Amino acid sequence: MSKEVSRREAKKPLTVRHGAAVVGVGVVAALVAFWVLSSIVGIIFFIVKLAVVVGLVGGVIWLVHRFRR
């Protein structure tokens, strides 16, 4: 195995097609990341709402039980 560094044979710059592909992949990646993060935030918000509702119902039940004595 040789450790010599060989130069690229083709010195073509980035073509328009490659540039468009890079931009397209970046846009799709940004959309997927936005969708995933918004889903995670939605799940966390749902859990917080559920905890608040359970807390309120528990508080009302506790108050009713306390005033019945």
N, C-alpha and C. Protein backbone atom coordinates (compact mmCIF):
# COMPACT_ATOMS: atom_id res chain seq x y z
N MET A 1 0.85 -1.17 0.00
CA MET A 1 0.00 0.00 0.00
C MET A 1 0.89 1.23 0.00
N SER A 2 0.64 2.10 -0.92
CA SER A 2 1.45 3.28 -1.08
C SER A 2 0.89 4.43 -0.25
N LYS A 3 1.79 5.23 0.28
CA LYS A 3 1.36 6.39 1.06
C LYS A 3 1.45 7.67 0.25
N GLU A 4 1.66 7.54 -1.03
CA GLU A 4 1.76 8.72 -1.88
C GLU A 4 0.37 9.34 -2.07
N VAL A 5 0.36 10.65 -2.07
CA VAL A 5 -0.89 11.38 -2.25
C VAL A 5 -1.08 11.62 -3.74
N SER A 6 -2.19 11.17 -4.26
CA SER A 6 -2.44 11.38 -5.69
C SER A 6 -3.44 12.51 -5.86
N ARG A 7 -3.25 13.28 -6.90
CA ARG A 7 -4.15 14.39 -7.18
C ARG A 7 -5.41 13.89 -7.87
N ARG A 8 -6.46 14.67 -7.71
CA ARG A 8 -7.69 14.33 -8.42
C ARG A 8 -7.46 14.48 -9.91
N GLU A 9 -7.94 13.53 -10.65
CA GLU A 9 -7.76 13.61 -12.09
C GLU A 9 -8.71 14.61 -12.72
N ALA A 10 -9.93 14.65 -12.27
CA ALA A 10 -10.92 15.58 -12.82
C ALA A 10 -11.01 16.78 -11.90
N LYS A 11 -10.71 17.94 -12.45
CA LYS A 11 -10.75 19.16 -11.65
C LYS A 11 -12.01 19.96 -11.99
N LYS A 12 -13.14 19.26 -12.08
CA LYS A 12 -14.39 19.94 -12.40
C LYS A 12 -14.95 20.58 -11.13
N PRO A 13 -15.45 21.79 -11.25
CA PRO A 13 -16.10 22.40 -10.08
C PRO A 13 -17.46 21.75 -9.85
N LEU A 14 -18.12 22.19 -8.81
CA LEU A 14 -19.45 21.70 -8.48
C LEU A 14 -20.40 22.07 -9.61
N THR A 15 -21.08 21.08 -10.15
CA THR A 15 -22.00 21.35 -11.25
C THR A 15 -23.33 21.88 -10.71
N VAL A 16 -24.14 22.40 -11.60
CA VAL A 16 -25.44 22.93 -11.22
C VAL A 16 -26.32 21.81 -10.66
N ARG A 17 -26.24 20.63 -11.26
CA ARG A 17 -27.04 19.50 -10.80
C ARG A 17 -26.63 19.10 -9.39
N HIS A 18 -25.32 19.06 -9.12
CA HIS A 18 -24.86 18.71 -7.77
C HIS A 18 -25.26 19.78 -6.76
N GLY A 19 -25.16 21.02 -7.15
CA GLY A 19 -25.57 22.11 -6.25
C GLY A 19 -27.05 22.05 -5.93
N ALA A 20 -27.86 21.77 -6.94
CA ALA A 20 -29.31 21.65 -6.72
C ALA A 20 -29.61 20.45 -5.83
N ALA A 21 -28.87 19.36 -6.00
CA ALA A 21 -29.08 18.18 -5.17
C ALA A 21 -28.74 18.48 -3.71
N VAL A 22 -27.65 19.20 -3.50
CA VAL A 22 -27.24 19.56 -2.13
C VAL A 22 -28.30 20.45 -1.49
N VAL A 23 -28.80 21.43 -2.22
CA VAL A 23 -29.83 22.32 -1.69
C VAL A 23 -31.11 21.54 -1.41
N GLY A 24 -31.49 20.64 -2.33
CA GLY A 24 -32.69 19.83 -2.14
C GLY A 24 -32.60 18.95 -0.91
N VAL A 25 -31.47 18.30 -0.73
CA VAL A 25 -31.29 17.45 0.45
C VAL A 25 -31.32 18.29 1.72
N GLY A 26 -30.75 19.48 1.68
CA GLY A 26 -30.78 20.38 2.84
C GLY A 26 -32.19 20.80 3.19
N VAL A 27 -33.00 21.12 2.18
CA VAL A 27 -34.38 21.54 2.43
C VAL A 27 -35.19 20.38 3.01
N VAL A 28 -35.04 19.18 2.44
CA VAL A 28 -35.76 18.02 2.95
C VAL A 28 -35.33 17.72 4.38
N ALA A 29 -34.04 17.80 4.67
CA ALA A 29 -33.54 17.55 6.02
C ALA A 29 -34.11 18.58 7.01
N ALA A 30 -34.20 19.84 6.60
CA ALA A 30 -34.75 20.87 7.48
C ALA A 30 -36.23 20.61 7.75
N LEU A 31 -36.98 20.20 6.73
CA LEU A 31 -38.41 19.91 6.92
C LEU A 31 -38.61 18.71 7.84
N VAL A 32 -37.81 17.67 7.67
CA VAL A 32 -37.93 16.50 8.53
C VAL A 32 -37.56 16.85 9.96
N ALA A 33 -36.50 17.63 10.15
CA ALA A 33 -36.11 18.04 11.51
C ALA A 33 -37.21 18.87 12.16
N PHE A 34 -37.82 19.79 11.40
CA PHE A 34 -38.90 20.61 11.94
C PHE A 34 -40.08 19.73 12.34
N TRP A 35 -40.43 18.76 11.50
CA TRP A 35 -41.56 17.87 11.79
C TRP A 35 -41.29 17.04 13.04
N VAL A 36 -40.07 16.49 13.15
CA VAL A 36 -39.73 15.66 14.31
C VAL A 36 -39.75 16.50 15.59
N LEU A 37 -39.13 17.67 15.54
CA LEU A 37 -39.09 18.51 16.74
C LEU A 37 -40.48 18.99 17.14
N SER A 38 -41.31 19.34 16.16
CA SER A 38 -42.67 19.78 16.52
C SER A 38 -43.48 18.61 17.08
N SER A 39 -43.23 17.41 16.61
CA SER A 39 -43.92 16.24 17.18
C SER A 39 -43.50 16.02 18.63
N ILE A 40 -42.22 16.14 18.90
CA ILE A 40 -41.72 15.96 20.26
C ILE A 40 -42.31 17.02 21.19
N VAL A 41 -42.33 18.27 20.73
CA VAL A 41 -42.90 19.34 21.54
C VAL A 41 -44.39 19.11 21.76
N GLY A 42 -45.10 18.61 20.74
CA GLY A 42 -46.52 18.31 20.88
C GLY A 42 -46.77 17.23 21.91
N ILE A 43 -45.95 16.20 21.91
CA ILE A 43 -46.10 15.12 22.90
C ILE A 43 -45.84 15.65 24.31
N ILE A 44 -44.81 16.46 24.47
CA ILE A 44 -44.51 17.02 25.79
C ILE A 44 -45.64 17.92 26.26
N PHE A 45 -46.20 18.74 25.35
CA PHE A 45 -47.30 19.63 25.69
C PHE A 45 -48.53 18.82 26.10
N PHE A 46 -48.80 17.70 25.41
CA PHE A 46 -49.92 16.84 25.75
C PHE A 46 -49.74 16.26 27.16
N ILE A 47 -48.53 15.83 27.49
CA ILE A 47 -48.27 15.26 28.82
C ILE A 47 -48.47 16.32 29.89
N VAL A 48 -48.03 17.55 29.63
CA VAL A 48 -48.21 18.63 30.60
C VAL A 48 -49.70 18.94 30.78
N LYS A 49 -50.45 19.01 29.69
CA LYS A 49 -51.89 19.25 29.80
C LYS A 49 -52.57 18.14 30.58
N LEU A 50 -52.19 16.90 30.31
CA LEU A 50 -52.78 15.77 31.02
C LEU A 50 -52.49 15.85 32.51
N ALA A 51 -51.27 16.22 32.88
CA ALA A 51 -50.91 16.34 34.29
C ALA A 51 -51.71 17.45 34.96
N VAL A 52 -51.92 18.56 34.26
CA VAL A 52 -52.70 19.66 34.84
C VAL A 52 -54.15 19.24 35.05
N VAL A 53 -54.73 18.55 34.07
CA VAL A 53 -56.12 18.11 34.21
C VAL A 53 -56.25 17.11 35.34
N VAL A 54 -55.34 16.15 35.42
CA VAL A 54 -55.38 15.16 36.50
C VAL A 54 -55.22 15.86 37.86
N GLY A 55 -54.33 16.84 37.93
CA GLY A 55 -54.14 17.60 39.17
C GLY A 55 -55.39 18.37 39.57
N LEU A 56 -56.04 19.00 38.59
CA LEU A 56 -57.26 19.75 38.90
C LEU A 56 -58.38 18.83 39.36
N VAL A 57 -58.57 17.71 38.66
CA VAL A 57 -59.62 16.76 39.06
C VAL A 57 -59.32 16.20 40.45
N GLY A 58 -58.06 15.86 40.70
CA GLY A 58 -57.69 15.37 42.03
C GLY A 58 -57.90 16.40 43.10
N GLY A 59 -57.60 17.66 42.79
CA GLY A 59 -57.82 18.74 43.75
C GLY A 59 -59.30 18.95 44.06
N VAL A 60 -60.13 18.88 43.04
CA VAL A 60 -61.58 19.03 43.26
C VAL A 60 -62.10 17.87 44.10
N ILE A 61 -61.69 16.66 43.79
CA ILE A 61 -62.12 15.49 44.57
C ILE A 61 -61.65 15.61 46.01
N TRP A 62 -60.44 16.07 46.21
CA TRP A 62 -59.91 16.25 47.57
C TRP A 62 -60.71 17.30 48.33
N LEU A 63 -61.05 18.43 47.66
CA LEU A 63 -61.83 19.48 48.32
C LEU A 63 -63.23 18.99 48.67
N VAL A 64 -63.88 18.28 47.74
CA VAL A 64 -65.22 17.77 48.01
C VAL A 64 -65.18 16.79 49.17
N HIS A 65 -64.19 15.92 49.18
CA HIS A 65 -64.07 14.94 50.26
C HIS A 65 -63.78 15.64 51.60
N ARG A 66 -63.01 16.69 51.56
CA ARG A 66 -62.65 17.41 52.80
C ARG A 66 -63.87 18.15 53.36
N PHE A 67 -64.69 18.76 52.49
CA PHE A 67 -65.85 19.52 52.99
C PHE A 67 -67.02 18.62 53.39
N ARG A 68 -67.01 17.35 52.98
CA ARG A 68 -68.08 16.43 53.34
C ARG A 68 -67.96 15.97 54.80
N ARG A 69 -66.80 16.05 55.38
CA ARG A 69 -66.60 15.57 56.76
C ARG A 69 -67.28 16.47 57.74
